[in-house]
């Protein structure tokens, strides 16, 4: 698969705001630490992240996955133009507040550089990824995701899964993509609901195997 740095945008609905799916960046390290400090996320993952070094390693894995085309990972963000979290950091550094507006044509202007570096979207709500393995080949990918505690119950996961799945089938059909798997442990009822909402039909039960202690559900969505 060919890697991408594409940014996906999900329109707002009557009940939920817009979403932006963008590649992860090194400045997201603290967000990753906070996410993996949540028991509801760490219980479903296999490698703990407890400090900045762990988070940077995780972010580097996502970066290398995009470069190789084997894993496309996106930070799922609130769909607002300005990232308040980053703006606060820039203001702390003295770059966000100026008497005069930034000149985007001036590469030496620190405020202009800050504007160019500002990521699209607002605060990070979660993570979503699509990955391929040598065993499955280009025909089959697997989607995975998590949502931060402050954003659960707002339809973030199903909307992100739907957007990424639709985009993947449209963009990788020429590479042979025909099916996407969604796998979760049998007691992860929230992920089971996400699968049903996004057109991933239940295919079979997978027996438990390390590092997962329980059986899993295999859901599959086929290309139209």
Protein backbone atom coordinates (compact mmCIF):
# COMPACT_ATOMS: atom_id res chain seq x y z
CA UNK A 1 0.00 0.00 0.00
CA UNK A 2 1.11 3.52 -0.69
CA UNK A 3 1.48 5.72 2.38
CA UNK A 4 -0.45 8.96 2.77
CA UNK A 5 -0.43 12.15 4.77
CA UNK A 6 -3.97 12.97 3.67
CA UNK A 7 -6.34 14.74 6.03
CA UNK A 8 -9.94 13.49 6.17
CA UNK A 9 -12.84 15.72 7.13
CA UNK A 10 -16.17 14.49 8.47
CA UNK A 11 -19.10 16.88 8.25
CA UNK A 12 -21.07 17.82 11.34
CA UNK A 13 -24.44 16.22 11.98
CA UNK A 14 -27.39 17.62 13.88
CA UNK A 15 -26.15 16.11 17.12
CA UNK A 16 -22.38 16.01 16.62
CA UNK A 17 -19.72 18.44 15.47
CA UNK A 18 -17.40 17.98 12.53
CA UNK A 19 -14.31 15.77 12.79
CA UNK A 20 -10.84 16.01 11.29
CA UNK A 21 -8.67 12.91 10.85
CA UNK A 22 -5.01 13.91 10.55
CA UNK A 23 -1.69 12.08 10.89
CA UNK A 24 -0.18 12.00 14.38
CA UNK A 25 2.73 14.34 15.12
CA UNK A 26 5.45 14.47 17.79
CA UNK A 27 3.68 17.33 19.58
CA UNK A 28 0.84 14.88 20.39
CA UNK A 29 3.02 12.98 22.88
CA UNK A 30 1.27 14.28 25.99
CA UNK A 31 -2.14 13.43 24.52
CA UNK A 32 -0.97 9.86 23.89
CA UNK A 33 0.26 9.55 27.50
CA UNK A 34 -3.10 10.79 28.78
CA UNK A 35 -5.00 8.40 26.52
CA UNK A 36 -3.06 5.31 27.60
CA UNK A 37 -3.38 6.34 31.23
CA UNK A 38 -7.12 5.69 30.90
CA UNK A 39 -7.97 2.14 32.11
CA UNK A 40 -10.70 1.87 29.47
CA UNK A 41 -8.06 2.25 26.74
CA UNK A 42 -5.15 0.42 28.35
CA UNK A 43 -7.26 -2.68 29.07
CA UNK A 44 -7.70 -3.29 25.33
CA UNK A 45 -4.10 -2.55 24.30
CA UNK A 46 -0.98 -4.68 24.63
CA UNK A 47 1.85 -2.20 25.28
CA UNK A 48 1.69 0.34 28.12
CA UNK A 49 2.61 3.98 27.54
CA UNK A 50 3.54 5.71 30.78
CA UNK A 51 6.03 8.44 29.85
CA UNK A 52 7.17 10.70 27.03
CA UNK A 53 9.73 8.21 25.72
CA UNK A 54 7.00 5.55 25.37
CA UNK A 55 4.72 8.03 23.63
CA UNK A 56 7.40 9.13 21.19
CA UNK A 57 8.14 5.50 20.32
CA UNK A 58 4.43 4.95 19.67
CA UNK A 59 4.27 8.07 17.50
CA UNK A 60 7.34 6.93 15.58
CA UNK A 61 5.64 3.61 14.86
CA UNK A 62 2.68 5.51 13.40
CA UNK A 63 5.01 7.69 11.31
CA UNK A 64 6.95 4.72 9.95
CA UNK A 65 3.70 2.93 9.21
CA UNK A 66 2.57 5.79 7.00
CA UNK A 67 5.94 5.93 5.27
CA UNK A 68 5.84 2.20 4.50
CA UNK A 69 2.13 2.12 3.74
CA UNK A 70 1.54 -0.72 6.19
CA UNK A 71 -0.28 1.32 8.85
CA UNK A 72 -2.25 4.52 8.33
CA UNK A 73 -2.93 6.12 11.70
CA UNK A 74 -4.92 9.28 12.29
CA UNK A 75 -5.58 11.47 15.28
CA UNK A 76 -9.34 12.02 15.38
CA UNK A 77 -9.83 15.68 16.23
CA UNK A 78 -12.67 18.10 16.80
CA UNK A 79 -13.39 19.80 13.50
CA UNK A 80 -12.52 23.37 14.36
CA UNK A 81 -10.02 25.45 12.48
CA UNK A 82 -7.90 26.41 15.47
CA UNK A 83 -6.32 23.98 17.89
CA UNK A 84 -6.76 25.62 21.33
CA UNK A 85 -4.27 23.28 22.98
CA UNK A 86 -1.50 24.16 20.54
CA UNK A 87 -2.45 27.84 20.55
CA UNK A 88 -2.02 27.88 24.32
CA UNK A 89 1.44 26.36 23.97
CA UNK A 90 2.42 28.88 21.31
CA UNK A 91 1.11 31.73 23.45
CA UNK A 92 3.22 30.45 26.32
CA UNK A 93 6.24 30.63 24.01
CA UNK A 94 5.39 34.19 23.09
CA UNK A 95 4.49 33.47 19.48
CA UNK A 96 0.69 33.49 19.55
CA UNK A 97 0.06 37.04 20.78
CA UNK A 98 1.46 39.91 18.71
CA UNK A 99 0.73 43.58 18.27
CA UNK A 100 0.68 43.05 14.49
CA UNK A 101 -0.64 40.10 12.46
CA UNK A 102 1.76 37.49 11.14
CA UNK A 103 3.15 37.92 7.65
CA UNK A 104 2.81 34.46 6.01
CA UNK A 105 5.17 35.55 3.24
CA UNK A 106 7.99 36.19 5.69
CA UNK A 107 9.78 32.90 6.55
CA UNK A 108 11.64 34.65 9.38
CA UNK A 109 8.41 35.71 11.12
CA UNK A 110 7.97 33.35 14.13
CA UNK A 111 4.20 33.91 14.19
CA UNK A 112 3.99 32.99 10.51
CA UNK A 113 5.97 29.82 11.18
CA UNK A 114 3.66 28.98 14.07
CA UNK A 115 0.63 29.47 11.81
CA UNK A 116 2.10 27.11 9.22
CA UNK A 117 2.87 24.49 11.86
CA UNK A 118 -0.57 24.61 13.45
CA UNK A 119 -2.31 21.27 12.86
CA UNK A 120 -5.79 21.17 11.35
CA UNK A 121 -8.68 20.48 13.66
CA UNK A 122 -9.18 21.05 17.36
CA UNK A 123 -8.45 18.91 20.39
CA UNK A 124 -7.70 15.22 19.94
CA UNK A 125 -10.73 13.00 20.59
CA UNK A 126 -9.26 9.63 19.71
CA UNK A 127 -7.22 7.48 17.36
CA UNK A 128 -8.07 5.39 14.32
CA UNK A 129 -5.81 3.26 12.15
CA UNK A 130 -5.90 0.97 9.17
CA UNK A 131 -3.17 -1.64 8.84
CA UNK A 132 -2.09 -4.34 6.44
CA UNK A 133 -0.07 -7.49 7.11
CA UNK A 134 2.04 -9.66 4.84
CA UNK A 135 -0.15 -12.64 5.69
CA UNK A 136 -3.35 -10.93 4.54
CA UNK A 137 -1.84 -9.13 1.57
CA UNK A 138 -3.27 -5.96 -0.01
CA UNK A 139 -6.78 -7.44 -0.25
CA UNK A 140 -7.48 -7.24 3.50
CA UNK A 141 -6.87 -4.50 6.06
CA UNK A 142 -7.80 -4.18 9.73
CA UNK A 143 -9.28 -1.11 11.39
CA UNK A 144 -8.59 -0.24 15.02
CA UNK A 145 -9.46 2.74 17.19
CA UNK A 146 -9.86 4.23 20.64
CA UNK A 147 -11.70 7.27 21.98
CA UNK A 148 -10.54 9.44 24.86
CA UNK A 149 -12.67 9.50 28.00
CA UNK A 150 -13.86 13.08 27.54
CA UNK A 151 -15.30 12.27 24.11
CA UNK A 152 -17.11 8.97 24.61
CA UNK A 153 -20.82 8.77 23.99
CA UNK A 154 -20.69 11.42 21.25
CA UNK A 155 -20.58 9.13 18.22
CA UNK A 156 -16.89 9.76 17.56
CA UNK A 157 -15.89 6.13 16.93
CA UNK A 158 -18.64 5.13 14.47
CA UNK A 159 -18.29 8.34 12.47
CA UNK A 160 -14.51 7.98 12.26
CA UNK A 161 -14.75 4.28 11.33
CA UNK A 162 -17.33 5.01 8.64
CA UNK A 163 -15.26 7.85 7.18
CA UNK A 164 -11.99 5.91 7.14
CA UNK A 165 -13.60 2.74 5.76
CA UNK A 166 -15.33 4.58 2.91
CA UNK A 167 -12.17 6.53 2.09
CA UNK A 168 -10.01 3.38 2.15
CA UNK A 169 -12.23 1.44 -0.25
CA UNK A 170 -12.33 4.42 -2.61
CA UNK A 171 -8.60 5.10 -2.53
CA UNK A 172 -7.11 1.61 -2.34
CA UNK A 173 -9.39 -0.33 -4.67
CA UNK A 174 -6.67 -0.08 -7.30
CA UNK A 175 -4.23 -1.71 -4.88
CA UNK A 176 -6.60 -4.62 -4.39
CA UNK A 177 -8.37 -3.74 -1.12
CA UNK A 178 -11.55 -5.81 -0.93
CA UNK A 179 -12.31 -6.26 2.77
CA UNK A 180 -11.64 -4.60 6.11
CA UNK A 181 -11.67 -6.48 9.42
CA UNK A 182 -12.74 -5.13 12.79
CA UNK A 183 -11.70 -7.36 15.70
CA UNK A 184 -12.54 -6.89 19.36
CA UNK A 185 -12.61 -9.01 22.51
CA UNK A 186 -15.99 -10.56 23.25
CA UNK A 187 -16.54 -8.38 26.31
CA UNK A 188 -15.88 -5.13 24.45
CA UNK A 189 -19.55 -4.37 23.85
CA UNK A 190 -18.92 -0.78 22.77
CA UNK A 191 -16.77 -1.92 19.85
CA UNK A 192 -19.39 -4.48 18.91
CA UNK A 193 -21.95 -1.67 18.63
CA UNK A 194 -19.55 0.39 16.52
CA UNK A 195 -19.11 -2.55 14.14
CA UNK A 196 -22.86 -2.98 13.70
CA UNK A 197 -23.43 0.75 13.15
CA UNK A 198 -20.79 0.96 10.44
CA UNK A 199 -21.74 -2.06 8.35
CA UNK A 200 -19.22 -4.59 9.67
CA UNK A 201 -21.10 -7.88 9.81
CA UNK A 202 -20.20 -10.50 12.40
CA UNK A 203 -18.32 -13.37 10.78
CA UNK A 204 -17.07 -15.64 13.56
CA UNK A 205 -15.56 -16.00 17.03
CA UNK A 206 -11.77 -16.02 17.23
CA UNK A 207 -10.21 -18.16 19.98
CA UNK A 208 -8.17 -16.37 22.63
CA UNK A 209 -4.46 -16.17 22.00
CA UNK A 210 -1.65 -14.12 23.58
CA UNK A 211 -1.56 -11.29 24.33
CA UNK A 212 -5.39 -11.29 24.42
CA UNK A 213 -6.87 -13.36 27.27
CA UNK A 214 -10.39 -13.70 25.85
CA UNK A 215 -12.05 -14.83 22.65
CA UNK A 216 -12.69 -12.18 20.03
CA UNK A 217 -15.34 -11.22 17.52
CA UNK A 218 -14.35 -10.91 13.87
CA UNK A 219 -16.47 -8.40 11.96
CA UNK A 220 -15.94 -7.78 8.25
CA UNK A 221 -16.96 -5.11 5.78
CA UNK A 222 -16.66 -5.87 2.08
CA UNK A 223 -16.06 -3.42 -0.75
CA UNK A 224 -19.23 -2.51 -2.62
